[in-house]
Amino acid sequence: MKIVCVDTSTTAVIKLGTFDYYKSIAIVTDVGLYQSLLIE
């Protein structure tokens, strides 16, 4: 599994690197926050 990222912030993308381990979908909001949904 890889991260699918919808990003609007370059700095947020860098932080998402840690989500590789969780095999999740990382969604970056326009305010630079992120949420993750586990992929079963």
PDB file of N, CA and C in Angstrom:
ATOM      1  N   MET A   1       0.834  -1.193   0.000  1.00  0.00           N
ATOM      2  CA  MET A   1       0.000   0.000   0.000  1.00  0.00           C
ATOM      3  C   MET A   1       0.875   1.252   0.000  1.00  0.00           C
ATOM      4  N   LYS A   2       0.419   2.263  -0.706  1.00  0.00           N
ATOM      5  CA  LYS A   2       1.119   3.537  -0.709  1.00  0.00           C
ATOM      6  C   LYS A   2       0.168   4.625  -0.231  1.00  0.00           C
ATOM      7  N   ILE A   3       0.744   5.779   0.087  1.00  0.00           N
ATOM      8  CA  ILE A   3      -0.076   6.898   0.533  1.00  0.00           C
ATOM      9  C   ILE A   3      -0.684   7.612  -0.658  1.00  0.00           C
ATOM     10  N   VAL A   4      -1.989   7.837  -0.585  1.00  0.00           N
ATOM     11  CA  VAL A   4      -2.632   8.677  -1.580  1.00  0.00           C
ATOM     12  C   VAL A   4      -2.837  10.024  -0.911  1.00  0.00           C
ATOM     13  N   CYS A   5      -2.257  11.033  -1.491  1.00  0.00           N
ATOM     14  CA  CYS A   5      -2.245  12.337  -0.825  1.00  0.00           C
ATOM     15  C   CYS A   5      -2.861  13.436  -1.672  1.00  0.00           C
ATOM     16  N   VAL A   6      -3.855  14.107  -1.101  1.00  0.00           N
ATOM     17  CA  VAL A   6      -4.405  15.287  -1.741  1.00  0.00           C
ATOM     18  C   VAL A   6      -3.851  16.454  -0.960  1.00  0.00           C
ATOM     19  N   ASP A   7      -2.932  17.198  -1.572  1.00  0.00           N
ATOM     20  CA  ASP A   7      -2.225  18.203  -0.794  1.00  0.00           C
ATOM     21  C   ASP A   7      -2.385  19.609  -1.338  1.00  0.00           C
ATOM     22  N   THR A   8      -2.370  20.566  -0.399  1.00  0.00           N
ATOM     23  CA  THR A   8      -2.378  21.967  -0.796  1.00  0.00           C
ATOM     24  C   THR A   8      -1.249  22.686  -0.067  1.00  0.00           C
ATOM     25  N   SER A   9      -0.461  21.903   0.665  1.00  0.00           N
ATOM     26  CA  SER A   9       0.626  22.499   1.434  1.00  0.00           C
ATOM     27  C   SER A   9       1.879  21.661   1.273  1.00  0.00           C
ATOM     28  N   THR A  10       2.956  22.272   0.778  1.00  0.00           N
ATOM     29  CA  THR A  10       4.200  21.552   0.531  1.00  0.00           C
ATOM     30  C   THR A  10       4.808  21.019   1.823  1.00  0.00           C
ATOM     31  N   THR A  11       4.712  21.769   2.890  1.00  0.00           N
ATOM     32  CA  THR A  11       5.295  21.340   4.157  1.00  0.00           C
ATOM     33  C   THR A  11       4.539  20.150   4.732  1.00  0.00           C
ATOM     34  N   ALA A  12       3.256  20.089   4.477  1.00  0.00           N
ATOM     35  CA  ALA A  12       2.446  18.987   4.977  1.00  0.00           C
ATOM     36  C   ALA A  12       2.833  17.671   4.306  1.00  0.00           C
ATOM     37  N   VAL A  13       3.210  17.751   3.044  1.00  0.00           N
ATOM     38  CA  VAL A  13       3.608  16.566   2.284  1.00  0.00           C
ATOM     39  C   VAL A  13       4.829  15.905   2.915  1.00  0.00           C
ATOM     40  N   ILE A  14       5.753  16.728   3.387  1.00  0.00           N
ATOM     41  CA  ILE A  14       6.955  16.205   4.025  1.00  0.00           C
ATOM     42  C   ILE A  14       6.605  15.429   5.291  1.00  0.00           C
ATOM     43  N   LYS A  15       5.666  15.940   6.059  1.00  0.00           N
ATOM     44  CA  LYS A  15       5.250  15.289   7.300  1.00  0.00           C
ATOM     45  C   LYS A  15       4.559  13.952   7.032  1.00  0.00           C
ATOM     46  N   LEU A  16       3.916  13.830   5.875  1.00  0.00           N
ATOM     47  CA  LEU A  16       3.176  12.631   5.526  1.00  0.00           C
ATOM     48  C   LEU A  16       4.067  11.412   5.314  1.00  0.00           C
ATOM     49  N   GLY A  17       5.371  11.626   5.213  1.00  0.00           N
ATOM     50  CA  GLY A  17       6.293  10.524   4.991  1.00  0.00           C
ATOM     51  C   GLY A  17       6.181   9.450   6.057  1.00  0.00           C
ATOM     52  N   THR A  18       5.813   9.842   7.272  1.00  0.00           N
ATOM     53  CA  THR A  18       5.717   8.895   8.373  1.00  0.00           C
ATOM     54  C   THR A  18       4.524   7.960   8.220  1.00  0.00           C
ATOM     55  N   PHE A  19       3.555   8.348   7.413  1.00  0.00           N
ATOM     56  CA  PHE A  19       2.355   7.534   7.243  1.00  0.00           C
ATOM     57  C   PHE A  19       2.580   6.283   6.402  1.00  0.00           C
ATOM     58  N   ASP A  20       3.760   6.176   5.770  1.00  0.00           N
ATOM     59  CA  ASP A  20       4.072   4.968   5.000  1.00  0.00           C
ATOM     60  C   ASP A  20       3.893   3.727   5.862  1.00  0.00           C
ATOM     61  N   TYR A  21       4.297   3.821   7.096  1.00  0.00           N
ATOM     62  CA  TYR A  21       4.265   2.686   8.009  1.00  0.00           C
ATOM     63  C   TYR A  21       2.846   2.224   8.300  1.00  0.00           C
ATOM     64  N   TYR A  22       1.913   3.166   8.308  1.00  0.00           N
ATOM     65  CA  TYR A  22       0.539   2.841   8.684  1.00  0.00           C
ATOM     66  C   TYR A  22      -0.322   2.376   7.522  1.00  0.00           C
ATOM     67  N   LYS A  23       0.251   2.425   6.301  1.00  0.00           N
ATOM     68  CA  LYS A  23      -0.490   2.005   5.106  1.00  0.00           C
ATOM     69  C   LYS A  23      -1.854   2.687   5.060  1.00  0.00           C
ATOM     70  N   SER A  24      -1.847   3.995   5.095  1.00  0.00           N
ATOM     71  CA  SER A  24      -3.102   4.731   5.168  1.00  0.00           C
ATOM     72  C   SER A  24      -3.251   5.732   4.044  1.00  0.00           C
ATOM     73  N   ILE A  25      -4.460   6.241   3.904  1.00  0.00           N
ATOM     74  CA  ILE A  25      -4.691   7.330   2.964  1.00  0.00           C
ATOM     75  C   ILE A  25      -4.607   8.616   3.763  1.00  0.00           C
ATOM     76  N   ALA A  26      -3.694   9.468   3.382  1.00  0.00           N
ATOM     77  CA  ALA A  26      -3.525  10.717   4.110  1.00  0.00           C
ATOM     78  C   ALA A  26      -4.149  11.854   3.309  1.00  0.00           C
ATOM     79  N   ILE A  27      -5.029  12.560   3.953  1.00  0.00           N
ATOM     80  CA  ILE A  27      -5.692  13.669   3.277  1.00  0.00           C
ATOM     81  C   ILE A  27      -5.267  14.972   3.930  1.00  0.00           C
ATOM     82  N   VAL A  28      -4.671  15.847   3.141  1.00  0.00           N
ATOM     83  CA  VAL A  28      -4.210  17.118   3.675  1.00  0.00           C
ATOM     84  C   VAL A  28      -5.242  18.197   3.372  1.00  0.00           C
ATOM     85  N   THR A  29      -5.634  18.901   4.389  1.00  0.00           N
ATOM     86  CA  THR A  29      -6.626  19.956   4.192  1.00  0.00           C
ATOM     87  C   THR A  29      -5.942  21.251   3.796  1.00  0.00           C
ATOM     88  N   ASP A  30      -6.730  22.238   3.420  1.00  0.00           N
ATOM     89  CA  ASP A  30      -6.187  23.510   2.964  1.00  0.00           C
ATOM     90  C   ASP A  30      -5.509  24.280   4.083  1.00  0.00           C
ATOM     91  N   VAL A  31      -5.750  23.902   5.340  1.00  0.00           N
ATOM     92  CA  VAL A  31      -5.097  24.573   6.467  1.00  0.00           C
ATOM     93  C   VAL A  31      -3.846  23.823   6.897  1.00  0.00           C
ATOM     94  N   GLY A  32      -3.448  22.793   6.120  1.00  0.00           N
ATOM     95  CA  GLY A  32      -2.213  22.085   6.405  1.00  0.00           C
ATOM     96  C   GLY A  32      -2.366  20.973   7.429  1.00  0.00           C
ATOM     97  N   LEU A  33      -3.606  20.706   7.857  1.00  0.00           N
ATOM     98  CA  LEU A  33      -3.822  19.617   8.801  1.00  0.00           C
ATOM     99  C   LEU A  33      -4.000  18.327   8.012  1.00  0.00           C
ATOM    100  N   TYR A  34      -3.963  17.209   8.698  1.00  0.00           N
ATOM    101  CA  TYR A  34      -4.134  15.960   7.979  1.00  0.00           C
ATOM    102  C   TYR A  34      -4.941  14.949   8.788  1.00  0.00           C
ATOM    103  N   GLN A  35      -5.625  14.080   8.082  1.00  0.00           N
ATOM    104  CA  GLN A  35      -6.370  12.995   8.699  1.00  0.00           C
ATOM    105  C   GLN A  35      -5.980  11.720   7.975  1.00  0.00           C
ATOM    106  N   SER A  36      -6.075  10.606   8.662  1.00  0.00           N
ATOM    107  CA  SER A  36      -5.711   9.348   8.017  1.00  0.00           C
ATOM    108  C   SER A  36      -6.828   8.322   8.162  1.00  0.00           C
ATOM    109  N   LEU A  37      -7.060   7.569   7.095  1.00  0.00           N
ATOM    110  CA  LEU A  37      -8.057   6.520   7.120  1.00  0.00           C
ATOM    111  C   LEU A  37      -7.332   5.210   6.840  1.00  0.00           C
ATOM    112  N   LEU A  38      -7.509   4.228   7.708  1.00  0.00           N
ATOM    113  CA  LEU A  38      -6.826   2.965   7.529  1.00  0.00           C
ATOM    114  C   LEU A  38      -7.384   2.214   6.327  1.00  0.00           C
ATOM    115  N   ILE A  39      -6.500   1.599   5.577  1.00  0.00           N
ATOM    116  CA  ILE A  39      -6.921   0.783   4.446  1.00  0.00           C
ATOM    117  C   ILE A  39      -6.944  -0.666   4.908  1.00  0.00           C
ATOM    118  N   GLU A  40      -8.090  -1.303   4.790  1.00  0.00           N
ATOM    119  CA  GLU A  40      -8.195  -2.691   5.240  1.00  0.00           C
ATOM    120  C   GLU A  40      -7.710  -3.641   4.154  1.00  0.00           C
TER     121      GLU A  40
END
